[in-house]
PDB file of N, CA and C in Angstrom:
ATOM      1  N   UNK A   1       5.450  10.071   9.589  1.00  0.00           N
ATOM      2  CA  UNK A   1       5.742  10.349   8.200  1.00  0.00           C
ATOM      3  C   UNK A   1       4.745  11.409   7.733  1.00  0.00           C
ATOM      4  N   UNK A   2       5.208  12.354   6.963  1.00  0.00           N
ATOM      5  CA  UNK A   2       4.298  13.364   6.439  1.00  0.00           C
ATOM      6  C   UNK A   2       3.393  12.744   5.385  1.00  0.00           C
ATOM      7  N   UNK A   3       2.232  13.366   5.208  1.00  0.00           N
ATOM      8  CA  UNK A   3       1.318  12.878   4.182  1.00  0.00           C
ATOM      9  C   UNK A   3       1.944  13.004   2.797  1.00  0.00           C
ATOM     10  N   UNK A   4       2.653  14.072   2.557  1.00  0.00           N
ATOM     11  CA  UNK A   4       3.269  14.283   1.241  1.00  0.00           C
ATOM     12  C   UNK A   4       4.241  13.155   0.901  1.00  0.00           C
ATOM     13  N   UNK A   5       5.065  12.760   1.867  1.00  0.00           N
ATOM     14  CA  UNK A   5       6.015  11.667   1.638  1.00  0.00           C
ATOM     15  C   UNK A   5       5.277  10.343   1.445  1.00  0.00           C
ATOM     16  N   UNK A   6       4.261  10.095   2.283  1.00  0.00           N
ATOM     17  CA  UNK A   6       3.464   8.876   2.181  1.00  0.00           C
ATOM     18  C   UNK A   6       2.816   8.795   0.798  1.00  0.00           C
ATOM     19  N   UNK A   7       2.221   9.895   0.343  1.00  0.00           N
ATOM     20  CA  UNK A   7       1.581   9.932  -0.969  1.00  0.00           C
ATOM     21  C   UNK A   7       2.592   9.656  -2.076  1.00  0.00           C
ATOM     22  N   UNK A   8       3.768  10.228  -1.978  1.00  0.00           N
ATOM     23  CA  UNK A   8       4.801   9.998  -2.989  1.00  0.00           C
ATOM     24  C   UNK A   8       5.187   8.519  -3.035  1.00  0.00           C
ATOM     25  N   UNK A   9       5.366   7.917  -1.879  1.00  0.00           N
ATOM     26  CA  UNK A   9       5.752   6.498  -1.808  1.00  0.00           C
ATOM     27  C   UNK A   9       4.673   5.613  -2.425  1.00  0.00           C
ATOM     28  N   UNK A  10       3.439   5.800  -2.001  1.00  0.00           N
ATOM     29  CA  UNK A  10       2.378   4.921  -2.484  1.00  0.00           C
ATOM     30  C   UNK A  10       2.104   5.152  -3.969  1.00  0.00           C
ATOM     31  N   UNK A  11       2.250   6.382  -4.436  1.00  0.00           N
ATOM     32  CA  UNK A  11       2.064   6.679  -5.856  1.00  0.00           C
ATOM     33  C   UNK A  11       3.133   6.003  -6.696  1.00  0.00           C
ATOM     34  N   UNK A  12       4.374   6.028  -6.235  1.00  0.00           N
ATOM     35  CA  UNK A  12       5.459   5.367  -6.962  1.00  0.00           C
ATOM     36  C   UNK A  12       5.299   3.852  -6.963  1.00  0.00           C
ATOM     37  N   UNK A  13       4.859   3.297  -5.836  1.00  0.00           N
ATOM     38  CA  UNK A  13       4.615   1.849  -5.787  1.00  0.00           C
ATOM     39  C   UNK A  13       3.523   1.476  -6.784  1.00  0.00           C
ATOM     40  N   UNK A  14       2.460   2.271  -6.829  1.00  0.00           N
ATOM     41  CA  UNK A  14       1.371   1.986  -7.764  1.00  0.00           C
ATOM     42  C   UNK A  14       1.850   2.059  -9.222  1.00  0.00           C
ATOM     43  N   UNK A  15       2.632   3.071  -9.551  1.00  0.00           N
ATOM     44  CA  UNK A  15       3.160   3.193 -10.923  1.00  0.00           C
ATOM     45  C   UNK A  15       3.984   1.980 -11.297  1.00  0.00           C
ATOM     46  N   UNK A  16       4.872   1.562 -10.406  1.00  0.00           N
ATOM     47  CA  UNK A  16       5.726   0.413 -10.690  1.00  0.00           C
ATOM     48  C   UNK A  16       4.911  -0.867 -10.789  1.00  0.00           C
ATOM     49  N   UNK A  17       3.903  -1.008  -9.942  1.00  0.00           N
ATOM     50  CA  UNK A  17       3.056  -2.190  -9.983  1.00  0.00           C
ATOM     51  C   UNK A  17       2.329  -2.290 -11.322  1.00  0.00           C
ATOM     52  N   UNK A  18       1.817  -1.186 -11.800  1.00  0.00           N
ATOM     53  CA  UNK A  18       1.120  -1.181 -13.093  1.00  0.00           C
ATOM     54  C   UNK A  18       2.082  -1.477 -14.241  1.00  0.00           C
ATOM     55  N   UNK A  19       3.292  -0.936 -14.169  1.00  0.00           N
ATOM     56  CA  UNK A  19       4.292  -1.187 -15.205  1.00  0.00           C
ATOM     57  C   UNK A  19       4.684  -2.666 -15.226  1.00  0.00           C
ATOM     58  N   UNK A  20       4.963  -3.232 -14.070  1.00  0.00           N
ATOM     59  CA  UNK A  20       5.346  -4.639 -13.988  1.00  0.00           C
ATOM     60  C   UNK A  20       4.201  -5.533 -14.473  1.00  0.00           C
ATOM     61  N   UNK A  21       2.962  -5.180 -14.133  1.00  0.00           N
ATOM     62  CA  UNK A  21       1.807  -5.961 -14.594  1.00  0.00           C
ATOM     63  C   UNK A  21       1.663  -5.887 -16.112  1.00  0.00           C
ATOM     64  N   UNK A  22       1.842  -4.697 -16.669  1.00  0.00           N
ATOM     65  CA  UNK A  22       1.745  -4.540 -18.124  1.00  0.00           C
ATOM     66  C   UNK A  22       2.834  -5.338 -18.830  1.00  0.00           C
ATOM     67  N   UNK A  23       4.035  -5.319 -18.291  1.00  0.00           N
ATOM     68  CA  UNK A  23       5.119  -6.096 -18.887  1.00  0.00           C
ATOM     69  C   UNK A  23       4.847  -7.594 -18.765  1.00  0.00           C
ATOM     70  N   UNK A  24       4.295  -8.008 -17.633  1.00  0.00           N
ATOM     71  CA  UNK A  24       3.967  -9.414 -17.446  1.00  0.00           C
ATOM     72  C   UNK A  24       2.952  -9.873 -18.490  1.00  0.00           C
ATOM     73  N   UNK A  25       1.980  -9.003 -18.794  1.00  0.00           N
ATOM     74  CA  UNK A  25       0.992  -9.322 -19.835  1.00  0.00           C
ATOM     75  C   UNK A  25       1.659  -9.519 -21.197  1.00  0.00           C
ATOM     76  N   UNK A  26       2.816  -8.890 -21.384  1.00  0.00           N
ATOM     77  CA  UNK A  26       3.578  -9.032 -22.633  1.00  0.00           C
ATOM     78  C   UNK A  26       4.603 -10.164 -22.538  1.00  0.00           C
ATOM     79  N   UNK A  27       4.475 -10.986 -21.495  1.00  0.00           N
ATOM     80  CA  UNK A  27       5.341 -12.146 -21.273  1.00  0.00           C
ATOM     81  C   UNK A  27       6.748 -11.774 -20.795  1.00  0.00           C
ATOM     82  N   UNK A  28       6.876 -10.607 -20.165  1.00  0.00           N
ATOM     83  CA  UNK A  28       8.143 -10.196 -19.561  1.00  0.00           C
ATOM     84  C   UNK A  28       7.957 -10.327 -18.055  1.00  0.00           C
ATOM     85  N   UNK A  29       8.628 -11.291 -17.456  1.00  0.00           N
ATOM     86  CA  UNK A  29       8.484 -11.575 -16.034  1.00  0.00           C
ATOM     87  C   UNK A  29       9.646 -10.952 -15.264  1.00  0.00           C
ATOM     88  N   UNK A  30       9.348  -9.919 -14.472  1.00  0.00           N
ATOM     89  CA  UNK A  30      10.385  -9.216 -13.706  1.00  0.00           C
ATOM     90  C   UNK A  30      10.315  -9.524 -12.215  1.00  0.00           C
ATOM     91  N   UNK A  31       9.556 -10.540 -11.828  1.00  0.00           N
ATOM     92  CA  UNK A  31       9.330 -10.812 -10.410  1.00  0.00           C
ATOM     93  C   UNK A  31      10.628 -11.029  -9.641  1.00  0.00           C
ATOM     94  N   UNK A  32      11.591 -11.719 -10.229  1.00  0.00           N
ATOM     95  CA  UNK A  32      12.861 -11.945  -9.526  1.00  0.00           C
ATOM     96  C   UNK A  32      13.625 -10.648  -9.309  1.00  0.00           C
ATOM     97  N   UNK A  33      13.380  -9.679 -10.147  1.00  0.00           N
ATOM     98  CA  UNK A  33      14.067  -8.390 -10.020  1.00  0.00           C
ATOM     99  C   UNK A  33      13.326  -7.456  -9.077  1.00  0.00           C
ATOM    100  N   UNK A  34      11.982  -7.501  -9.078  1.00  0.00           N
ATOM    101  CA  UNK A  34      11.203  -6.565  -8.267  1.00  0.00           C
ATOM    102  C   UNK A  34      10.944  -7.044  -6.845  1.00  0.00           C
ATOM    103  N   UNK A  35      10.912  -8.344  -6.612  1.00  0.00           N
ATOM    104  CA  UNK A  35      10.618  -8.863  -5.276  1.00  0.00           C
ATOM    105  C   UNK A  35      11.541  -8.325  -4.183  1.00  0.00           C
ATOM    106  N   UNK A  36      12.856  -8.264  -4.408  1.00  0.00           N
ATOM    107  CA  UNK A  36      13.708  -7.727  -3.347  1.00  0.00           C
ATOM    108  C   UNK A  36      13.358  -6.280  -2.974  1.00  0.00           C
ATOM    109  N   UNK A  37      12.973  -5.476  -3.956  1.00  0.00           N
ATOM    110  CA  UNK A  37      12.600  -4.093  -3.666  1.00  0.00           C
ATOM    111  C   UNK A  37      11.289  -4.032  -2.897  1.00  0.00           C
ATOM    112  N   UNK A  38      10.361  -4.901  -3.235  1.00  0.00           N
ATOM    113  CA  UNK A  38       9.102  -4.967  -2.499  1.00  0.00           C
ATOM    114  C   UNK A  38       9.355  -5.372  -1.048  1.00  0.00           C
ATOM    115  N   UNK A  39      10.277  -6.285  -0.847  1.00  0.00           N
ATOM    116  CA  UNK A  39      10.623  -6.713   0.516  1.00  0.00           C
ATOM    117  C   UNK A  39      11.245  -5.571   1.307  1.00  0.00           C
ATOM    118  N   UNK A  40      12.108  -4.814   0.667  1.00  0.00           N
ATOM    119  CA  UNK A  40      12.748  -3.668   1.337  1.00  0.00           C
ATOM    120  C   UNK A  40      11.695  -2.642   1.736  1.00  0.00           C
ATOM    121  N   UNK A  41      10.804  -2.311   0.810  1.00  0.00           N
ATOM    122  CA  UNK A  41       9.745  -1.349   1.105  1.00  0.00           C
ATOM    123  C   UNK A  41       8.879  -1.864   2.251  1.00  0.00           C
ATOM    124  N   UNK A  42       8.530  -3.136   2.213  1.00  0.00           N
ATOM    125  CA  UNK A  42       7.737  -3.728   3.279  1.00  0.00           C
ATOM    126  C   UNK A  42       8.408  -3.605   4.638  1.00  0.00           C
ATOM    127  N   UNK A  43       9.691  -3.884   4.686  1.00  0.00           N
ATOM    128  CA  UNK A  43      10.426  -3.771   5.955  1.00  0.00           C
ATOM    129  C   UNK A  43      10.451  -2.331   6.470  1.00  0.00           C
ATOM    130  N   UNK A  44      10.583  -1.384   5.563  1.00  0.00           N
ATOM    131  CA  UNK A  44      10.578   0.027   5.977  1.00  0.00           C
ATOM    132  C   UNK A  44       9.203   0.453   6.493  1.00  0.00           C
ATOM    133  N   UNK A  45       8.143   0.001   5.832  1.00  0.00           N
ATOM    134  CA  UNK A  45       6.785   0.309   6.308  1.00  0.00           C
ATOM    135  C   UNK A  45       6.568  -0.333   7.676  1.00  0.00           C
ATOM    136  N   UNK A  46       7.036  -1.553   7.871  1.00  0.00           N
ATOM    137  CA  UNK A  46       6.923  -2.220   9.173  1.00  0.00           C
ATOM    138  C   UNK A  46       7.679  -1.454  10.248  1.00  0.00           C
ATOM    139  N   UNK A  47       8.830  -0.906   9.906  1.00  0.00           N
ATOM    140  CA  UNK A  47       9.617  -0.135  10.871  1.00  0.00           C
ATOM    141  C   UNK A  47       8.853   1.101  11.333  1.00  0.00           C
ATOM    142  N   UNK A  48       8.092   1.697  10.439  1.00  0.00           N
ATOM    143  CA  UNK A  48       7.349   2.915  10.773  1.00  0.00           C
ATOM    144  C   UNK A  48       6.019   2.590  11.456  1.00  0.00           C
ATOM    145  N   UNK A  49       5.268   1.630  10.903  1.00  0.00           N
ATOM    146  CA  UNK A  49       3.898   1.373  11.367  1.00  0.00           C
ATOM    147  C   UNK A  49       3.689   0.011  12.012  1.00  0.00           C
ATOM    148  N   UNK A  50       4.715  -0.780  12.126  1.00  0.00           N
ATOM    149  CA  UNK A  50       4.577  -2.092  12.737  1.00  0.00           C
ATOM    150  C   UNK A  50       3.966  -3.106  11.788  1.00  0.00           C
ATOM    151  N   UNK A  51       3.903  -4.341  12.241  1.00  0.00           N
ATOM    152  CA  UNK A  51       3.397  -5.440  11.418  1.00  0.00           C
ATOM    153  C   UNK A  51       1.931  -5.232  11.032  1.00  0.00           C
ATOM    154  N   UNK A  52       1.102  -4.849  11.998  1.00  0.00           N
ATOM    155  CA  UNK A  52      -0.314  -4.652  11.702  1.00  0.00           C
ATOM    156  C   UNK A  52      -0.516  -3.459  10.763  1.00  0.00           C
ATOM    157  N   UNK A  53       0.254  -2.398  10.954  1.00  0.00           N
ATOM    158  CA  UNK A  53       0.179  -1.258  10.046  1.00  0.00           C
ATOM    159  C   UNK A  53       0.590  -1.649   8.635  1.00  0.00           C
ATOM    160  N   UNK A  54       1.628  -2.473   8.544  1.00  0.00           N
ATOM    161  CA  UNK A  54       2.051  -2.971   7.231  1.00  0.00           C
ATOM    162  C   UNK A  54       0.938  -3.793   6.580  1.00  0.00           C
ATOM    163  N   UNK A  55       0.223  -4.587   7.381  1.00  0.00           N
ATOM    164  CA  UNK A  55      -0.882  -5.382   6.831  1.00  0.00           C
ATOM    165  C   UNK A  55      -1.960  -4.483   6.227  1.00  0.00           C
ATOM    166  N   UNK A  56      -2.278  -3.367   6.891  1.00  0.00           N
ATOM    167  CA  UNK A  56      -3.240  -2.411   6.339  1.00  0.00           C
ATOM    168  C   UNK A  56      -2.699  -1.783   5.061  1.00  0.00           C
ATOM    169  N   UNK A  57      -1.446  -1.397   5.075  1.00  0.00           N
ATOM    170  CA  UNK A  57      -0.807  -0.794   3.905  1.00  0.00           C
ATOM    171  C   UNK A  57      -0.864  -1.765   2.727  1.00  0.00           C
ATOM    172  N   UNK A  58      -0.472  -2.994   2.956  1.00  0.00           N
ATOM    173  CA  UNK A  58      -0.462  -4.023   1.923  1.00  0.00           C
ATOM    174  C   UNK A  58      -1.874  -4.306   1.428  1.00  0.00           C
ATOM    175  N   UNK A  59      -2.831  -4.390   2.331  1.00  0.00           N
ATOM    176  CA  UNK A  59      -4.229  -4.619   1.966  1.00  0.00           C
ATOM    177  C   UNK A  59      -4.708  -3.521   1.026  1.00  0.00           C
ATOM    178  N   UNK A  60      -4.416  -2.270   1.383  1.00  0.00           N
ATOM    179  CA  UNK A  60      -4.855  -1.147   0.556  1.00  0.00           C
ATOM    180  C   UNK A  60      -4.230  -1.227  -0.842  1.00  0.00           C
ATOM    181  N   UNK A  61      -2.948  -1.521  -0.906  1.00  0.00           N
ATOM    182  CA  UNK A  61      -2.252  -1.558  -2.191  1.00  0.00           C
ATOM    183  C   UNK A  61      -2.709  -2.716  -3.062  1.00  0.00           C
ATOM    184  N   UNK A  62      -2.847  -3.887  -2.494  1.00  0.00           N
ATOM    185  CA  UNK A  62      -3.041  -5.069  -3.326  1.00  0.00           C
ATOM    186  C   UNK A  62      -4.462  -5.624  -3.312  1.00  0.00           C
ATOM    187  N   UNK A  63      -5.161  -5.578  -2.198  1.00  0.00           N
ATOM    188  CA  UNK A  63      -6.552  -6.042  -2.168  1.00  0.00           C
ATOM    189  C   UNK A  63      -7.484  -4.966  -2.726  1.00  0.00           C
ATOM    190  N   UNK A  64      -7.199  -3.716  -2.371  1.00  0.00           N
ATOM    191  CA  UNK A  64      -8.037  -2.603  -2.846  1.00  0.00           C
ATOM    192  C   UNK A  64      -7.484  -1.994  -4.115  1.00  0.00           C
ATOM    193  N   UNK A  65      -6.391  -2.518  -4.641  1.00  0.00           N
ATOM    194  CA  UNK A  65      -5.773  -2.003  -5.865  1.00  0.00           C
ATOM    195  C   UNK A  65      -5.546  -0.497  -5.767  1.00  0.00           C
ATOM    196  N   UNK A  66      -4.869  -0.101  -4.686  1.00  0.00           N
ATOM    197  CA  UNK A  66      -4.527   1.298  -4.430  1.00  0.00           C
ATOM    198  C   UNK A  66      -5.770   2.181  -4.346  1.00  0.00           C
ATOM    199  N   UNK A  67      -6.842   1.630  -3.803  1.00  0.00           N
ATOM    200  CA  UNK A  67      -8.074   2.384  -3.626  1.00  0.00           C
ATOM    201  C   UNK A  67      -9.030   2.312  -4.799  1.00  0.00           C
ATOM    202  N   UNK A  68      -8.711   1.550  -5.821  1.00  0.00           N
ATOM    203  CA  UNK A  68      -9.550   1.484  -7.017  1.00  0.00           C
ATOM    204  C   UNK A  68     -10.641   0.421  -6.950  1.00  0.00           C
ATOM    205  N   UNK A  69     -10.543  -0.517  -6.021  1.00  0.00           N
ATOM    206  CA  UNK A  69     -11.577  -1.546  -5.870  1.00  0.00           C
ATOM    207  C   UNK A  69     -12.514  -1.151  -4.729  1.00  0.00           C
ATOM    208  N   UNK A  70     -13.690  -1.705  -4.753  1.00  0.00           N
ATOM    209  CA  UNK A  70     -14.728  -1.363  -3.788  1.00  0.00           C
ATOM    210  C   UNK A  70     -14.639  -2.122  -2.465  1.00  0.00           C
ATOM    211  N   UNK A  71     -13.607  -2.909  -2.275  1.00  0.00           N
ATOM    212  CA  UNK A  71     -13.448  -3.640  -1.014  1.00  0.00           C
ATOM    213  C   UNK A  71     -13.324  -2.609   0.107  1.00  0.00           C
ATOM    214  N   UNK A  72     -14.051  -2.798   1.180  1.00  0.00           N
ATOM    215  CA  UNK A  72     -14.045  -1.794   2.230  1.00  0.00           C
ATOM    216  C   UNK A  72     -13.649  -2.325   3.591  1.00  0.00           C
ATOM    217  N   UNK A  73     -13.378  -1.379   4.483  1.00  0.00           N
ATOM    218  CA  UNK A  73     -13.071  -1.705   5.879  1.00  0.00           C
ATOM    219  C   UNK A  73     -13.740  -0.644   6.759  1.00  0.00           C
ATOM    220  N   UNK A  74     -14.121  -1.058   7.971  1.00  0.00           N
ATOM    221  CA  UNK A  74     -14.827  -0.172   8.867  1.00  0.00           C
ATOM    222  C   UNK A  74     -14.257  -0.292  10.277  1.00  0.00           C
ATOM    223  N   UNK A  75     -14.358   0.797  11.022  1.00  0.00           N
ATOM    224  CA  UNK A  75     -13.919   0.762  12.412  1.00  0.00           C
ATOM    225  C   UNK A  75     -15.023   0.155  13.277  1.00  0.00           C
ATOM    226  N   UNK A  76     -14.802   0.146  14.588  1.00  0.00           N
ATOM    227  CA  UNK A  76     -15.760  -0.483  15.499  1.00  0.00           C
ATOM    228  C   UNK A  76     -17.110   0.237  15.524  1.00  0.00           C
ATOM    229  N   UNK A  77     -17.156   1.482  15.044  1.00  0.00           N
ATOM    230  CA  UNK A  77     -18.407   2.241  14.985  1.00  0.00           C
ATOM    231  C   UNK A  77     -19.055   2.204  13.605  1.00  0.00           C
ATOM    232  N   UNK A  78     -18.560   1.309  12.752  1.00  0.00           N
ATOM    233  CA  UNK A  78     -19.084   1.127  11.385  1.00  0.00           C
ATOM    234  C   UNK A  78     -18.776   2.310  10.455  1.00  0.00           C
ATOM    235  N   UNK A  79     -17.755   3.104  10.809  1.00  0.00           N
ATOM    236  CA  UNK A  79     -17.312   4.187   9.935  1.00  0.00           C
ATOM    237  C   UNK A  79     -16.277   3.637   8.963  1.00  0.00           C
ATOM    238  N   UNK A  80     -16.349   4.027   7.686  1.00  0.00           N
ATOM    239  CA  UNK A  80     -15.355   3.530   6.726  1.00  0.00           C
ATOM    240  C   UNK A  80     -13.953   4.017   7.077  1.00  0.00           C
ATOM    241  N   UNK A  81     -12.978   3.146   6.886  1.00  0.00           N
ATOM    242  CA  UNK A  81     -11.570   3.491   7.113  1.00  0.00           C
ATOM    243  C   UNK A  81     -10.750   3.028   5.912  1.00  0.00           C
ATOM    244  N   UNK A  82      -9.628   3.665   5.720  1.00  0.00           N
ATOM    245  CA  UNK A  82      -8.662   3.262   4.694  1.00  0.00           C
ATOM    246  C   UNK A  82      -9.305   3.163   3.313  1.00  0.00           C
ATOM    247  N   UNK A  83     -10.158   4.109   2.968  1.00  0.00           N
ATOM    248  CA  UNK A  83     -10.869   4.083   1.689  1.00  0.00           C
ATOM    249  C   UNK A  83     -10.159   4.865   0.593  1.00  0.00           C
ATOM    250  N   UNK A  84      -9.173   5.687   0.955  1.00  0.00           N
ATOM    251  CA  UNK A  84      -8.321   6.361  -0.021  1.00  0.00           C
ATOM    252  C   UNK A  84      -6.950   6.554   0.620  1.00  0.00           C
ATOM    253  N   UNK A  85      -6.027   7.107  -0.117  1.00  0.00           N
ATOM    254  CA  UNK A  85      -4.645   7.222   0.387  1.00  0.00           C
ATOM    255  C   UNK A  85      -4.603   8.064   1.653  1.00  0.00           C
ATOM    256  N   UNK A  86      -5.297   9.190   1.663  1.00  0.00           N
ATOM    257  CA  UNK A  86      -5.249  10.073   2.835  1.00  0.00           C
ATOM    258  C   UNK A  86      -5.851   9.390   4.067  1.00  0.00           C
ATOM    259  N   UNK A  87      -6.983   8.704   3.891  1.00  0.00           N
ATOM    260  CA  UNK A  87      -7.581   8.043   5.055  1.00  0.00           C
ATOM    261  C   UNK A  87      -6.716   6.880   5.542  1.00  0.00           C
ATOM    262  N   UNK A  88      -6.020   6.211   4.633  1.00  0.00           N
ATOM    263  CA  UNK A  88      -5.076   5.164   5.032  1.00  0.00           C
ATOM    264  C   UNK A  88      -3.960   5.773   5.859  1.00  0.00           C
ATOM    265  N   UNK A  89      -3.374   6.856   5.368  1.00  0.00           N
ATOM    266  CA  UNK A  89      -2.289   7.534   6.093  1.00  0.00           C
ATOM    267  C   UNK A  89      -2.765   7.989   7.471  1.00  0.00           C
ATOM    268  N   UNK A  90      -3.948   8.612   7.528  1.00  0.00           N
ATOM    269  CA  UNK A  90      -4.477   9.082   8.812  1.00  0.00           C
ATOM    270  C   UNK A  90      -4.670   7.919   9.783  1.00  0.00           C
ATOM    271  N   UNK A  91      -5.213   6.813   9.289  1.00  0.00           N
ATOM    272  CA  UNK A  91      -5.442   5.642  10.130  1.00  0.00           C
ATOM    273  C   UNK A  91      -4.114   5.081  10.661  1.00  0.00           C
ATOM    274  N   UNK A  92      -3.132   4.961   9.769  1.00  0.00           N
ATOM    275  CA  UNK A  92      -1.834   4.431  10.197  1.00  0.00           C
ATOM    276  C   UNK A  92      -1.151   5.366  11.185  1.00  0.00           C
ATOM    277  N   UNK A  93      -1.192   6.653  10.927  1.00  0.00           N
ATOM    278  CA  UNK A  93      -0.569   7.615  11.843  1.00  0.00           C
ATOM    279  C   UNK A  93      -1.231   7.594  13.215  1.00  0.00           C
ATOM    280  N   UNK A  94      -2.535   7.489  13.237  1.00  0.00           N
ATOM    281  CA  UNK A  94      -3.274   7.526  14.501  1.00  0.00           C
ATOM    282  C   UNK A  94      -3.159   6.208  15.277  1.00  0.00           C
ATOM    283  N   UNK A  95      -3.195   5.080  14.577  1.00  0.00           N
ATOM    284  CA  UNK A  95      -3.312   3.792  15.247  1.00  0.00           C
ATOM    285  C   UNK A  95      -2.064   2.910  15.243  1.00  0.00           C
ATOM    286  N   UNK A  96      -1.089   3.225  14.425  1.00  0.00           N
ATOM    287  CA  UNK A  96       0.041   2.294  14.284  1.00  0.00           C
ATOM    288  C   UNK A  96       1.396   2.977  14.282  1.00  0.00           C
ATOM    289  N   UNK A  97       1.476   4.176  14.734  1.00  0.00           N
ATOM    290  CA  UNK A  97       2.748   4.904  14.743  1.00  0.00           C
ATOM    291  C   UNK A  97       3.582   4.458  15.912  1.00  0.00           C
TER     292      UNK A  97
END
């Protein structure tokens, strides 16, 4: 997958996640409507990067809040990995394609 396409996908997921969260704060629960789309996206990411690649993708989006939280990951040489969108894409392309 090109970086441009990957960036577009993750940016759109982040926008929708923030919108759904804001609506939830206003007592509008869209989980039944959004869950099927999240499942579809997950299956497509798994098709491209496999189950382990999907786990990294999901971790970055939800544990790291799309790179906004300080939670980190390191390779076997103690180098930081998956710390922003580009490094996540590079890691997935190199290790899980």
